Amino acid sequence: MNILKFEGSKATLVGATIQRRLIRTNNLMTVIVDFSGGPMSEPDPYHSHPHEQTCYIAYGEVLFLEEGEEPVRLKAGDLFAVASGKKHAIQLLTPTARLIDSFNPIREDFL
């Protein structure tokens, strides 16, 4: 059985203001990403990856940026998707935010 209970689970620190927890199967990965230190005056650097991604905003607000598109302000309850290889970034607009990302295939670089 593959279960992640948030309480008591260990977070991986990704820099000073980002923590993540993950669960995966052979082909799918879900990652809880907690951001702090906002609001940010600038977005994170654009990045891309070969994985398909969906993201649910659990709380907080972010500005979602994707190459070739207008920036979109997103809040709790909103979702976005990113195609494989598409450059994208976020900017934290509130002091904290939690994003729930799903990736296919799994991100080996997160393990």
N, C-alpha and C. Protein backbone atom coordinates (compact mmCIF):
# COMPACT_ATOMS: atom_id res chain seq x y z
N MET A 1 0.84 -1.18 0.00
CA MET A 1 0.00 0.00 0.00
C MET A 1 0.88 1.24 0.00
N ASN A 2 0.55 2.21 -0.83
CA ASN A 2 1.34 3.42 -0.98
C ASN A 2 0.51 4.59 -0.46
N ILE A 3 0.77 5.03 0.77
CA ILE A 3 -0.01 6.08 1.42
C ILE A 3 0.94 7.13 1.98
N LEU A 4 0.55 8.40 1.83
CA LEU A 4 1.29 9.50 2.43
C LEU A 4 0.35 10.23 3.37
N LYS A 5 0.62 10.16 4.65
CA LYS A 5 -0.14 10.95 5.62
C LYS A 5 0.63 12.23 5.84
N PHE A 6 -0.03 13.35 5.63
CA PHE A 6 0.66 14.64 5.71
C PHE A 6 1.25 14.85 7.10
N GLU A 7 0.46 14.64 8.13
CA GLU A 7 0.95 14.78 9.50
C GLU A 7 2.05 13.76 9.75
N GLY A 8 3.19 14.22 10.14
CA GLY A 8 4.30 13.34 10.44
C GLY A 8 5.17 13.00 9.24
N SER A 9 4.74 13.40 8.03
CA SER A 9 5.57 13.10 6.87
C SER A 9 6.73 14.09 6.81
N LYS A 10 7.83 13.65 6.25
CA LYS A 10 9.02 14.47 6.16
C LYS A 10 9.00 15.28 4.86
N ALA A 11 9.21 16.57 5.00
CA ALA A 11 9.28 17.44 3.83
C ALA A 11 10.72 17.57 3.36
N THR A 12 10.89 17.66 2.06
CA THR A 12 12.19 17.95 1.48
C THR A 12 12.29 19.45 1.27
N LEU A 13 13.34 20.07 1.78
CA LEU A 13 13.54 21.50 1.58
C LEU A 13 14.14 21.74 0.21
N VAL A 14 13.53 22.66 -0.52
CA VAL A 14 14.01 23.03 -1.85
C VAL A 14 14.28 24.53 -1.77
N GLY A 15 15.46 24.89 -1.34
CA GLY A 15 15.76 26.29 -1.08
C GLY A 15 15.20 26.71 0.26
N ALA A 16 15.29 27.98 0.57
CA ALA A 16 14.89 28.48 1.89
C ALA A 16 13.39 28.63 2.04
N THR A 17 12.64 28.71 0.94
CA THR A 17 11.22 29.04 1.05
C THR A 17 10.28 28.02 0.40
N ILE A 18 10.79 26.86 0.03
CA ILE A 18 9.96 25.84 -0.62
C ILE A 18 10.19 24.49 0.03
N GLN A 19 9.08 23.82 0.38
CA GLN A 19 9.12 22.45 0.90
C GLN A 19 8.22 21.58 0.03
N ARG A 20 8.61 20.32 -0.15
CA ARG A 20 7.74 19.43 -0.91
C ARG A 20 7.67 18.05 -0.28
N ARG A 21 6.51 17.44 -0.47
CA ARG A 21 6.25 16.06 -0.07
C ARG A 21 5.70 15.37 -1.32
N LEU A 22 6.01 14.08 -1.48
CA LEU A 22 5.55 13.42 -2.70
C LEU A 22 5.12 12.00 -2.45
N ILE A 23 4.29 11.54 -3.39
CA ILE A 23 3.87 10.14 -3.47
C ILE A 23 3.87 9.79 -4.95
N ARG A 24 4.18 8.52 -5.25
CA ARG A 24 4.26 8.14 -6.67
C ARG A 24 3.88 6.69 -6.88
N THR A 25 3.54 6.43 -8.14
CA THR A 25 3.40 5.06 -8.63
C THR A 25 4.49 4.92 -9.69
N ASN A 26 4.41 3.90 -10.51
CA ASN A 26 5.42 3.73 -11.56
C ASN A 26 5.35 4.83 -12.62
N ASN A 27 4.17 5.41 -12.86
CA ASN A 27 4.00 6.35 -13.96
C ASN A 27 3.44 7.72 -13.57
N LEU A 28 3.07 7.90 -12.32
CA LEU A 28 2.44 9.14 -11.91
C LEU A 28 3.02 9.60 -10.58
N MET A 29 3.23 10.91 -10.45
CA MET A 29 3.76 11.48 -9.21
C MET A 29 2.88 12.66 -8.81
N THR A 30 2.54 12.74 -7.52
CA THR A 30 1.84 13.89 -6.96
C THR A 30 2.73 14.50 -5.91
N VAL A 31 2.87 15.83 -5.97
CA VAL A 31 3.79 16.55 -5.10
C VAL A 31 3.04 17.70 -4.42
N ILE A 32 3.11 17.75 -3.09
CA ILE A 32 2.58 18.87 -2.32
C ILE A 32 3.72 19.85 -2.15
N VAL A 33 3.54 21.07 -2.65
CA VAL A 33 4.59 22.08 -2.60
C VAL A 33 4.11 23.25 -1.75
N ASP A 34 4.82 23.52 -0.66
CA ASP A 34 4.51 24.64 0.22
C ASP A 34 5.50 25.76 -0.01
N PHE A 35 4.97 26.93 -0.35
CA PHE A 35 5.79 28.13 -0.59
C PHE A 35 5.61 29.09 0.58
N SER A 36 6.69 29.76 0.97
CA SER A 36 6.63 30.81 1.98
C SER A 36 7.50 31.97 1.50
N GLY A 37 7.55 33.03 2.28
CA GLY A 37 8.42 34.15 1.94
C GLY A 37 7.82 35.12 0.95
N GLY A 38 6.52 35.02 0.70
CA GLY A 38 5.88 35.94 -0.25
C GLY A 38 5.32 37.16 0.46
N PRO A 39 4.72 38.03 -0.28
CA PRO A 39 4.66 37.99 -1.73
C PRO A 39 6.02 38.25 -2.38
N MET A 40 6.21 37.68 -3.56
CA MET A 40 7.47 37.82 -4.30
C MET A 40 7.37 39.03 -5.24
N SER A 41 8.43 39.80 -5.34
CA SER A 41 8.43 40.96 -6.23
C SER A 41 8.64 40.56 -7.69
N GLU A 42 9.20 39.39 -7.90
CA GLU A 42 9.46 38.87 -9.25
C GLU A 42 9.08 37.39 -9.29
N PRO A 43 8.73 36.88 -10.47
CA PRO A 43 8.45 35.44 -10.56
C PRO A 43 9.72 34.61 -10.44
N ASP A 44 9.53 33.33 -10.10
CA ASP A 44 10.64 32.38 -10.19
C ASP A 44 11.13 32.35 -11.63
N PRO A 45 12.35 31.91 -11.87
CA PRO A 45 12.82 31.80 -13.27
C PRO A 45 11.97 30.80 -14.06
N TYR A 46 11.77 31.10 -15.33
CA TYR A 46 11.07 30.16 -16.20
C TYR A 46 11.84 28.85 -16.25
N HIS A 47 11.11 27.75 -16.35
CA HIS A 47 11.73 26.44 -16.49
C HIS A 47 10.80 25.56 -17.33
N SER A 48 11.34 24.46 -17.80
CA SER A 48 10.52 23.47 -18.52
C SER A 48 11.02 22.09 -18.15
N HIS A 49 10.22 21.09 -18.45
CA HIS A 49 10.58 19.70 -18.19
C HIS A 49 9.80 18.82 -19.16
N PRO A 50 10.26 17.60 -19.38
CA PRO A 50 9.59 16.73 -20.34
C PRO A 50 8.29 16.11 -19.80
N HIS A 51 7.96 16.40 -18.56
CA HIS A 51 6.78 15.81 -17.92
C HIS A 51 5.54 16.64 -18.20
N GLU A 52 4.40 15.99 -18.37
CA GLU A 52 3.12 16.69 -18.35
C GLU A 52 2.84 17.03 -16.89
N GLN A 53 2.19 18.16 -16.66
CA GLN A 53 1.95 18.61 -15.28
C GLN A 53 0.55 19.20 -15.16
N THR A 54 -0.12 18.87 -14.07
CA THR A 54 -1.31 19.61 -13.66
C THR A 54 -1.04 20.14 -12.26
N CYS A 55 -1.69 21.24 -11.91
CA CYS A 55 -1.47 21.85 -10.61
C CYS A 55 -2.78 22.38 -10.06
N TYR A 56 -3.04 22.08 -8.78
CA TYR A 56 -4.20 22.57 -8.05
C TYR A 56 -3.71 23.53 -6.98
N ILE A 57 -4.29 24.71 -6.91
CA ILE A 57 -3.92 25.69 -5.88
C ILE A 57 -4.76 25.38 -4.65
N ALA A 58 -4.14 24.83 -3.61
CA ALA A 58 -4.85 24.45 -2.39
C ALA A 58 -5.13 25.67 -1.50
N TYR A 59 -4.15 26.56 -1.38
CA TYR A 59 -4.39 27.84 -0.73
C TYR A 59 -3.34 28.84 -1.18
N GLY A 60 -3.66 30.12 -0.96
CA GLY A 60 -2.79 31.19 -1.40
C GLY A 60 -3.15 31.64 -2.81
N GLU A 61 -2.35 32.59 -3.32
CA GLU A 61 -2.53 33.10 -4.68
C GLU A 61 -1.19 33.18 -5.37
N VAL A 62 -1.20 32.85 -6.66
CA VAL A 62 0.01 32.92 -7.48
C VAL A 62 -0.32 33.55 -8.81
N LEU A 63 0.68 34.08 -9.45
CA LEU A 63 0.59 34.51 -10.83
C LEU A 63 1.24 33.40 -11.65
N PHE A 64 0.49 32.82 -12.58
CA PHE A 64 1.00 31.74 -13.43
C PHE A 64 1.42 32.34 -14.75
N LEU A 65 2.66 32.05 -15.15
CA LEU A 65 3.22 32.55 -16.41
C LEU A 65 3.61 31.37 -17.27
N GLU A 66 3.23 31.43 -18.55
CA GLU A 66 3.57 30.38 -19.51
C GLU A 66 3.98 31.05 -20.82
N GLU A 67 5.05 30.55 -21.42
CA GLU A 67 5.55 31.18 -22.64
C GLU A 67 4.43 31.31 -23.68
N GLY A 68 4.38 32.50 -24.28
CA GLY A 68 3.40 32.75 -25.32
C GLY A 68 2.00 33.08 -24.84
N GLU A 69 1.78 33.14 -23.53
CA GLU A 69 0.46 33.39 -22.96
C GLU A 69 0.51 34.59 -22.03
N GLU A 70 -0.63 35.22 -21.79
CA GLU A 70 -0.74 36.29 -20.81
C GLU A 70 -0.69 35.69 -19.40
N PRO A 71 -0.05 36.38 -18.44
CA PRO A 71 -0.04 35.90 -17.06
C PRO A 71 -1.48 35.80 -16.51
N VAL A 72 -1.71 34.82 -15.64
CA VAL A 72 -3.03 34.60 -15.06
C VAL A 72 -2.90 34.53 -13.54
N ARG A 73 -3.72 35.30 -12.84
CA ARG A 73 -3.76 35.27 -11.38
C ARG A 73 -4.65 34.10 -10.97
N LEU A 74 -4.11 33.21 -10.11
CA LEU A 74 -4.84 32.02 -9.67
C LEU A 74 -4.93 32.00 -8.15
N LYS A 75 -6.06 31.49 -7.63
CA LYS A 75 -6.26 31.42 -6.18
C LYS A 75 -6.75 30.02 -5.81
N ALA A 76 -6.93 29.81 -4.51
CA ALA A 76 -7.36 28.50 -4.01
C ALA A 76 -8.56 27.98 -4.79
N GLY A 77 -8.46 26.73 -5.22
CA GLY A 77 -9.52 26.08 -5.99
C GLY A 77 -9.26 26.08 -7.48
N ASP A 78 -8.33 26.91 -7.96
CA ASP A 78 -8.01 26.97 -9.39
C ASP A 78 -7.00 25.87 -9.75
N LEU A 79 -6.99 25.52 -11.02
CA LEU A 79 -6.05 24.53 -11.56
C LEU A 79 -5.41 25.06 -12.83
N PHE A 80 -4.22 24.56 -13.13
CA PHE A 80 -3.62 24.81 -14.44
C PHE A 80 -2.92 23.56 -14.90
N ALA A 81 -2.66 23.50 -16.21
CA ALA A 81 -1.94 22.37 -16.81
C ALA A 81 -0.81 22.92 -17.66
N VAL A 82 0.28 22.16 -17.72
CA VAL A 82 1.44 22.54 -18.51
C VAL A 82 1.81 21.36 -19.40
N ALA A 83 1.94 21.63 -20.69
CA ALA A 83 2.33 20.59 -21.63
C ALA A 83 3.83 20.29 -21.50
N SER A 84 4.22 19.13 -21.89
CA SER A 84 5.62 18.72 -21.89
C SER A 84 6.46 19.72 -22.67
N GLY A 85 7.56 20.17 -22.04
CA GLY A 85 8.51 21.05 -22.71
C GLY A 85 8.14 22.52 -22.73
N LYS A 86 6.98 22.90 -22.21
CA LYS A 86 6.53 24.29 -22.25
C LYS A 86 7.15 25.08 -21.09
N LYS A 87 7.78 26.21 -21.37
CA LYS A 87 8.39 27.03 -20.31
C LYS A 87 7.30 27.72 -19.50
N HIS A 88 7.48 27.71 -18.17
CA HIS A 88 6.49 28.30 -17.27
C HIS A 88 7.15 28.72 -15.97
N ALA A 89 6.41 29.52 -15.18
CA ALA A 89 6.91 30.01 -13.90
C ALA A 89 5.71 30.45 -13.07
N ILE A 90 5.95 30.65 -11.77
CA ILE A 90 4.93 31.24 -10.91
C ILE A 90 5.56 32.37 -10.11
N GLN A 91 4.69 33.26 -9.64
CA GLN A 91 5.08 34.32 -8.73
C GLN A 91 4.12 34.26 -7.55
N LEU A 92 4.66 34.11 -6.35
CA LEU A 92 3.85 34.04 -5.14
C LEU A 92 3.29 35.43 -4.84
N LEU A 93 1.96 35.55 -4.72
CA LEU A 93 1.31 36.83 -4.47
C LEU A 93 0.87 37.00 -3.02
N THR A 94 0.88 35.93 -2.25
CA THR A 94 0.48 35.95 -0.84
C THR A 94 1.67 35.50 0.01
N PRO A 95 1.62 35.66 1.32
CA PRO A 95 2.76 35.24 2.15
C PRO A 95 3.10 33.76 2.01
N THR A 96 2.07 32.91 1.82
CA THR A 96 2.29 31.47 1.64
C THR A 96 1.32 30.94 0.59
N ALA A 97 1.63 29.77 0.08
CA ALA A 97 0.72 29.08 -0.85
C ALA A 97 1.06 27.59 -0.82
N ARG A 98 0.06 26.78 -1.10
CA ARG A 98 0.26 25.33 -1.27
C ARG A 98 -0.26 24.94 -2.63
N LEU A 99 0.61 24.31 -3.42
CA LEU A 99 0.25 23.81 -4.73
C LEU A 99 0.37 22.29 -4.73
N ILE A 100 -0.57 21.64 -5.39
CA ILE A 100 -0.57 20.18 -5.51
C ILE A 100 -0.32 19.86 -6.98
N ASP A 101 0.90 19.40 -7.28
CA ASP A 101 1.31 19.10 -8.64
C ASP A 101 1.21 17.60 -8.92
N SER A 102 0.79 17.26 -10.13
CA SER A 102 0.84 15.88 -10.61
C SER A 102 1.67 15.85 -11.88
N PHE A 103 2.53 14.85 -11.99
CA PHE A 103 3.45 14.72 -13.12
C PHE A 103 3.35 13.33 -13.73
N ASN A 104 3.43 13.29 -15.05
CA ASN A 104 3.55 12.04 -15.79
C ASN A 104 4.56 12.26 -16.90
N PRO A 105 5.58 11.40 -17.00
CA PRO A 105 5.96 10.36 -16.04
C PRO A 105 6.49 10.98 -14.76
N ILE A 106 6.87 10.13 -13.82
CA ILE A 106 7.39 10.64 -12.56
C ILE A 106 8.65 11.44 -12.79
N ARG A 107 8.92 12.37 -11.90
CA ARG A 107 10.12 13.21 -11.98
C ARG A 107 11.25 12.55 -11.20
N GLU A 108 12.09 11.85 -11.90
CA GLU A 108 13.24 11.20 -11.27
C GLU A 108 14.11 12.20 -10.53
N ASP A 109 14.16 13.46 -11.02
CA ASP A 109 14.99 14.48 -10.39
C ASP A 109 14.46 14.89 -9.02
N PHE A 110 13.22 14.52 -8.67
CA PHE A 110 12.67 14.81 -7.36
C PHE A 110 12.94 13.70 -6.34
N LEU A 111 13.40 12.55 -6.81
CA LEU A 111 13.61 11.40 -5.91
C LEU A 111 14.96 11.50 -5.21
